[in-house]
Protein backbone atom coordinates (compact mmCIF):
# COMPACT_ATOMS: atom_id res chain seq x y z
CA MET A 1 133.43 64.50 126.02
CA PHE A 2 132.71 68.10 127.05
CA ALA A 3 129.33 69.80 126.84
CA LYS A 4 128.90 72.31 124.03
CA ASP A 5 127.88 75.91 124.74
CA ILE A 6 124.54 76.79 123.17
CA GLY A 7 122.74 80.01 122.30
CA ILE A 8 118.95 80.12 122.31
CA ASP A 9 116.68 82.62 120.59
CA LEU A 10 113.61 81.99 122.74
CA GLY A 11 111.04 83.54 120.43
CA THR A 12 107.29 83.79 120.86
CA ALA A 13 106.77 82.23 117.41
CA ASN A 14 109.98 80.26 116.80
CA LEU A 15 112.78 78.81 118.86
CA LEU A 16 116.26 78.73 117.32
CA ILE A 17 119.30 77.05 118.82
CA HIS A 18 122.90 77.78 117.90
CA VAL A 19 125.54 75.26 119.02
CA LYS A 20 129.06 76.64 119.36
CA GLY A 21 131.18 75.48 116.44
CA LYS A 22 128.20 74.05 114.52
CA GLY A 23 125.98 77.05 113.74
CA ILE A 24 122.17 77.04 113.86
CA VAL A 25 121.12 73.44 114.36
CA LEU A 26 117.46 73.87 115.24
CA ASN A 27 114.66 76.15 114.09
CA GLU A 28 111.20 75.05 115.22
CA PRO A 29 107.91 76.73 116.17
CA SER A 30 107.52 77.48 119.92
CA VAL A 31 104.49 75.20 120.27
CA VAL A 32 103.84 72.26 122.58
CA ALA A 33 100.91 69.81 122.25
CA ILE A 34 99.64 68.48 125.57
CA ASP A 35 97.04 65.90 126.58
CA LYS A 36 94.87 67.77 129.10
CA ASN A 37 93.72 64.59 130.83
CA THR A 38 97.21 63.30 131.64
CA ASN A 39 99.29 66.52 131.30
CA ARG A 40 101.63 64.53 129.06
CA VAL A 41 103.59 66.29 126.33
CA LEU A 42 102.58 64.69 123.02
CA ALA A 43 104.53 66.74 120.50
CA VAL A 44 106.87 69.73 120.35
CA GLY A 45 107.80 72.17 117.60
CA GLU A 46 106.71 71.66 113.98
CA GLU A 47 104.77 68.50 114.81
CA ALA A 48 102.80 70.36 117.51
CA ARG A 49 102.22 73.38 115.24
CA ASN A 50 100.54 71.15 112.67
CA MET A 51 98.00 70.26 115.38
CA VAL A 52 96.97 73.89 116.06
CA GLY A 53 93.22 74.20 115.49
CA ARG A 54 92.97 70.56 114.41
CA THR A 55 92.89 68.54 117.61
CA PRO A 56 90.20 66.76 119.64
CA GLY A 57 89.12 68.43 122.89
CA ASN A 58 91.56 66.66 125.21
CA ILE A 59 94.65 67.70 123.19
CA VAL A 60 95.69 71.35 123.31
CA ALA A 61 98.46 73.03 121.35
CA ILE A 62 100.02 75.63 123.66
CA ARG A 63 102.37 78.45 122.80
CA PRO A 64 104.14 78.82 126.17
CA LEU A 65 105.62 82.24 125.37
CA LYS A 66 103.51 85.34 125.08
CA ASP A 67 104.84 88.76 124.09
CA GLY A 68 108.42 87.56 124.37
CA VAL A 69 108.11 86.30 127.95
CA ILE A 70 107.19 83.00 129.58
CA ALA A 71 103.42 82.63 130.00
CA ASP A 72 103.52 78.97 130.99
CA PHE A 73 106.61 78.03 132.96
CA ASP A 74 106.21 74.23 133.03
CA VAL A 75 105.47 73.97 129.32
CA THR A 76 108.45 76.21 128.44
CA GLU A 77 110.69 74.02 130.56
CA ALA A 78 109.35 70.87 128.86
CA MET A 79 109.92 72.44 125.44
CA LEU A 80 113.50 73.50 126.22
CA LYS A 81 114.27 70.11 127.76
CA HIS A 82 112.92 68.34 124.67
CA PHE A 83 115.03 70.39 122.24
CA ILE A 84 118.22 70.29 124.33
CA ASN A 85 117.96 66.49 124.71
CA LYS A 86 117.27 66.16 120.98
CA LEU A 87 120.51 67.99 120.16
CA ASN A 88 122.59 65.81 122.45
CA VAL A 89 124.79 68.71 123.62
CA LYS A 90 125.33 67.48 127.18
CA GLY A 91 128.73 66.06 127.97
CA PHE A 92 129.50 62.85 129.82
CA LEU A 93 129.80 64.66 133.14
CA SER A 94 129.14 68.26 132.19
CA LYS A 95 126.21 70.44 131.22
CA PRO A 96 126.20 73.13 128.51
CA ARG A 97 126.42 76.85 129.22
CA ILE A 98 123.38 78.56 127.74
CA LEU A 99 123.05 82.09 126.40
CA ILE A 100 119.40 83.19 126.03
CA CYS A 101 118.02 86.35 124.48
CA CYS A 102 115.15 88.32 126.00
CA PRO A 103 113.30 91.59 125.17
CA THR A 104 114.85 94.80 126.53
CA ASN A 105 112.27 95.86 129.11
CA ILE A 106 111.30 92.62 130.84
CA THR A 107 111.13 92.63 134.62
CA SER A 108 113.59 90.93 136.94
CA VAL A 109 110.89 88.36 137.76
CA GLU A 110 110.53 87.50 134.05
CA GLN A 111 114.33 87.33 133.70
CA LYS A 112 114.47 84.95 136.66
CA ALA A 113 111.76 82.75 135.07
CA ILE A 114 113.71 82.48 131.81
CA ARG A 115 116.93 81.69 133.67
CA GLU A 116 115.25 79.05 135.87
CA ALA A 117 113.58 77.34 132.89
CA ALA A 118 116.95 77.08 131.15
CA GLU A 119 118.71 75.79 134.25
CA LYS A 120 116.03 73.16 134.89
CA SER A 121 116.20 71.99 131.29
CA GLY A 122 119.87 71.15 131.63
CA GLY A 123 121.99 74.31 131.54
CA LYS A 124 125.02 74.66 133.78
CA ARG A 125 125.26 78.45 133.71
CA VAL A 126 122.73 80.69 132.03
CA PHE A 127 123.50 84.10 130.58
CA LEU A 128 120.82 86.55 129.48
CA GLU A 129 121.39 89.10 126.72
CA GLU A 130 119.07 91.73 125.29
CA GLU A 131 117.55 90.78 121.98
CA PRO A 132 118.16 93.90 119.84
CA LYS A 133 121.84 93.87 120.81
CA VAL A 134 122.27 90.23 119.79
CA ALA A 135 120.21 90.82 116.62
CA ALA A 136 122.47 93.74 115.66
CA ILE A 137 125.57 91.56 116.08
CA GLY A 138 123.92 88.79 114.05
CA ALA A 139 123.09 91.28 111.29
CA GLY A 140 126.79 92.07 110.99
CA MET A 141 126.79 95.49 112.67
CA ASP A 142 129.92 96.50 114.52
CA ILE A 143 128.26 97.75 117.68
CA PHE A 144 131.50 97.94 119.65
CA GLN A 145 132.70 101.15 117.95
CA PRO A 146 131.83 104.60 119.37
CA SER A 147 129.26 105.23 116.64
CA GLY A 148 125.50 104.89 116.45
CA ASN A 149 123.77 101.79 115.09
CA MET A 150 119.99 101.42 115.06
CA VAL A 151 118.18 98.12 114.87
CA VAL A 152 114.45 97.34 114.67
CA ASP A 153 113.80 93.69 115.57
CA ILE A 154 110.21 92.68 114.71
CA GLY A 155 109.54 89.23 116.15
CA GLY A 156 106.40 87.22 116.87
CA GLY A 157 105.42 88.73 120.22
CA THR A 158 107.51 91.89 120.58
CA THR A 159 109.19 94.56 118.50
CA ASP A 160 112.45 95.81 119.97
CA VAL A 161 113.91 99.09 118.76
CA ALA A 162 117.38 100.10 119.96
CA VAL A 163 120.24 102.45 119.25
CA LEU A 164 123.59 100.90 120.13
CA SER A 165 127.07 102.29 120.62
CA MET A 166 130.24 101.03 122.33
CA GLY A 167 128.73 97.55 122.63
CA ASP A 168 125.69 98.61 124.62
CA ILE A 169 122.18 99.95 124.28
CA VAL A 170 121.92 103.76 124.44
CA THR A 171 118.15 104.16 123.98
CA SER A 172 115.59 101.45 123.40
CA SER A 173 111.93 100.56 123.39
CA SER A 174 110.15 97.22 123.46
CA ILE A 175 106.50 97.02 122.48
CA LYS A 176 104.09 94.10 122.45
CA MET A 177 103.17 94.62 118.82
CA ALA A 178 104.60 92.21 116.25
CA GLY A 179 103.87 89.26 113.95
CA ASP A 180 101.19 87.64 116.13
CA GLN A 181 99.23 90.88 116.28
CA PHE A 182 99.38 91.18 112.47
CA ASP A 183 97.80 87.71 112.21
CA THR A 184 95.06 88.76 114.65
CA ASP A 185 94.41 91.96 112.66
CA ILE A 186 93.95 89.96 109.45
CA LEU A 187 91.74 87.41 111.21
CA ASN A 188 89.51 90.17 112.63
CA TYR A 189 89.32 91.99 109.30
CA VAL A 190 88.06 88.87 107.49
CA LYS A 191 85.61 88.18 110.31
CA LYS A 192 84.21 91.72 110.27
CA HIS A 193 84.06 92.37 106.51
CA TYR A 194 83.29 88.93 105.13
CA LYS A 195 81.54 87.33 108.13
CA LEU A 196 84.00 84.48 107.71
CA LEU A 197 85.88 82.67 110.47
CA ILE A 198 89.45 81.68 109.59
CA GLY A 199 92.20 80.08 111.66
CA GLU A 200 95.57 81.44 112.75
CA ARG A 201 97.41 79.50 110.08
CA THR A 202 95.23 80.94 107.29
CA ALA A 203 95.81 84.45 108.65
CA GLU A 204 99.55 83.83 108.70
CA SER A 205 99.45 82.50 105.15
CA ILE A 206 97.72 85.73 104.01
CA LYS A 207 100.42 87.77 105.78
CA VAL A 208 103.28 85.83 104.19
CA ASN A 209 101.87 85.58 100.67
CA ILE A 210 100.08 88.81 99.82
CA ALA A 211 100.37 91.32 102.69
CA THR A 212 101.99 94.73 102.28
CA VAL A 213 102.22 97.69 104.63
CA PHE A 214 103.18 100.31 102.03
CA PRO A 215 100.10 101.64 100.20
CA ASP A 216 99.82 100.71 96.49
CA SER A 217 103.08 98.76 96.44
CA ARG A 218 101.63 95.29 95.89
CA HIS A 219 98.60 94.10 93.94
CA GLU A 220 98.02 90.43 94.60
CA GLU A 221 95.09 88.35 95.72
CA LEU A 222 94.59 85.06 97.52
CA GLU A 223 91.71 82.63 97.75
CA ILE A 224 91.02 81.62 101.34
CA ARG A 225 88.57 79.22 102.93
CA GLY A 226 86.82 79.44 106.24
CA ARG A 227 83.49 78.97 108.00
CA ASP A 228 80.63 81.29 107.18
CA MET A 229 79.37 82.91 110.40
CA VAL A 230 75.80 83.09 109.16
CA SER A 231 75.22 79.69 107.56
CA GLY A 232 77.93 77.81 109.49
CA LEU A 233 79.08 76.19 106.23
CA PRO A 234 82.51 76.32 104.57
CA ARG A 235 82.97 79.23 102.12
CA THR A 236 85.73 80.55 99.86
CA ILE A 237 86.55 84.25 99.36
CA THR A 238 89.29 86.24 97.61
CA ILE A 239 91.27 88.82 99.56
CA THR A 240 93.63 91.45 98.11
CA SER A 241 96.93 93.05 99.20
CA GLY A 242 95.23 96.45 99.48
CA GLU A 243 92.71 95.12 101.99
CA VAL A 244 95.48 93.59 104.11
CA GLU A 245 97.38 96.91 104.07
CA GLY A 246 94.30 98.59 105.53
CA ALA A 247 93.88 95.86 108.14
CA LEU A 248 97.50 96.20 109.32
CA ARG A 249 97.76 100.00 109.19
CA GLU A 250 96.96 100.69 112.83
CA SER A 251 99.39 98.12 114.25
CA ILE A 252 102.19 99.16 111.90
CA SER A 253 101.77 102.81 112.94
CA VAL A 254 102.50 101.76 116.56
CA ILE A 255 105.84 100.26 115.44
CA VAL A 256 106.67 103.38 113.40
CA GLN A 257 105.90 105.56 116.41
CA ALA A 258 108.13 103.43 118.67
CA ALA A 259 111.01 103.86 116.20
CA LYS A 260 110.41 107.63 116.11
CA ASN A 261 110.39 107.82 119.92
CA VAL A 262 113.73 106.02 120.14
CA LEU A 263 115.24 108.37 117.53
CA GLU A 264 113.94 111.39 119.42
CA LYS A 265 115.73 110.22 122.59
CA THR A 266 119.00 109.52 120.76
CA PRO A 267 121.97 111.87 121.36
CA PRO A 268 122.57 114.12 118.31
CA GLU A 269 126.03 112.71 117.49
CA LEU A 270 124.58 109.20 117.26
CA SER A 271 121.62 110.46 115.22
CA ALA A 272 124.09 111.81 112.67
CA ASP A 273 125.67 108.32 112.44
CA ILE A 274 122.26 106.72 111.86
CA ILE A 275 121.61 109.08 108.89
CA ASP A 276 124.87 107.75 107.38
CA ARG A 277 124.49 104.10 108.29
CA GLY A 278 120.74 103.70 108.20
CA VAL A 279 118.49 101.41 110.23
CA ILE A 280 118.72 97.63 110.06
CA LEU A 281 115.53 95.53 110.20
CA THR A 282 115.73 92.04 111.73
CA GLY A 283 113.24 89.38 112.85
CA GLY A 284 110.46 87.71 110.88
CA GLY A 285 108.54 91.00 110.63
CA ALA A 286 111.35 92.42 108.48
CA LEU A 287 110.08 90.15 105.69
CA LEU A 288 106.72 91.94 105.66
CA HIS A 289 106.42 93.53 102.22
CA GLY A 290 106.96 97.30 102.18
CA ILE A 291 108.02 97.68 105.82
CA ASP A 292 111.45 99.03 104.80
CA GLN A 293 109.92 101.60 102.42
CA LEU A 294 107.41 102.72 105.03
CA LEU A 295 110.01 103.16 107.80
CA ALA A 296 112.41 104.95 105.43
CA GLU A 297 109.66 107.39 104.48
CA GLU A 298 108.52 108.00 108.06
CA LEU A 299 111.94 108.16 109.76
CA LYS A 300 113.72 110.04 106.93
CA VAL A 301 116.74 107.72 107.15
CA PRO A 302 117.83 104.79 104.95
CA VAL A 303 116.37 101.43 106.05
CA PHE A 304 117.90 98.06 105.17
CA ILE A 305 116.69 94.52 105.73
CA ALA A 306 119.32 92.21 107.28
CA GLU A 307 120.56 89.32 105.15
CA ASN A 308 118.81 86.53 107.08
CA PRO A 309 116.40 88.52 109.27
CA MET A 310 114.82 85.45 110.90
CA ASP A 311 118.20 84.07 111.96
CA CYS A 312 119.92 87.27 113.16
CA VAL A 313 119.38 86.68 116.87
CA ALA A 314 120.55 83.06 116.66
CA ILE A 315 123.60 84.05 114.57
CA GLY A 316 124.33 86.80 117.13
CA THR A 317 124.23 84.28 119.99
CA GLY A 318 126.84 82.29 118.05
CA VAL A 319 129.18 85.29 117.89
CA MET A 320 128.63 85.93 121.60
CA LEU A 321 129.29 82.27 122.45
CA GLU A 322 132.75 82.68 120.89
CA ASN A 323 133.32 85.42 123.47
CA ILE A 324 131.32 83.83 126.29
CA ASP A 325 134.25 83.96 128.71
CA LYS A 326 134.36 87.75 128.32
CA ILE A 327 130.60 87.96 128.93
CA ALA A 328 130.80 85.53 131.84
CA HIS A 329 132.18 88.13 134.23
CA ARG A 330 129.49 90.71 133.49
CA ARG A 331 126.25 88.75 133.71
CA ILE A 332 122.91 90.47 133.40
CA GLY A 333 120.44 90.22 136.23
């Protein structure tokens, strides 16, 4: 029984695992619940996420990745070990080869941390690939031709913008502005305007259900509950799509500017290709209402949302696993 090669999308918000020949077999939140007194891991993934904001003092729900990189090495290792053991991909005498995706501009120290965590959790050889490149492959773009492809991958912790040609990144930018920041913006808006404290999960629910980033394109409202900052008692308010658009405007403009900067640095021949082919949006942030319209208006090029934006990176790792022997001789880092 041989070990199976696996591809991991090590996201700040979610962790997806693709097993060669099987497809995506795991999609769970990147959260680990730990007992502070004993340092014991109590729960991982969805089970741990359900504990966020709802645990007694000695139990903490930790998100070990911050802005696309490892913030807590030991917890990341425990999380990877848990998921890899759960999938039962190790062979009788062999360990799986692991392909992991990381943001474009992480340092060699951060790369080393990701590689070490994967090796300690049971990988035989670990390959690192840049996220926007893998996302573009997963979105079905043929990046190996001598023509320009542009991808904007909006994840939980980072947004990666890249122009690709001949199978590699020509110009790129990675900014620490993505889904988590949108949740924080909404949380702060409610706190400031309504004097109401809400949790991360409520903020995320507002983002998913009624948020828009394109002015006047959505008119919905949502009832939310939280704790009144003045009286300290529970209170219910109604928030509208228009308010959320205002709350997110500043953060979204940073992403738009990053995309503009990458286009400005792109060679003219490739720019011409992007006008024809358009820009592909991947990652969970691509599901944010109106983001495609806004980018199309600002960048003056067509913008399309990938078919399964959340899964693009994991699907891309699957394609790369099929060609892992070709990648094996040109490892990153």
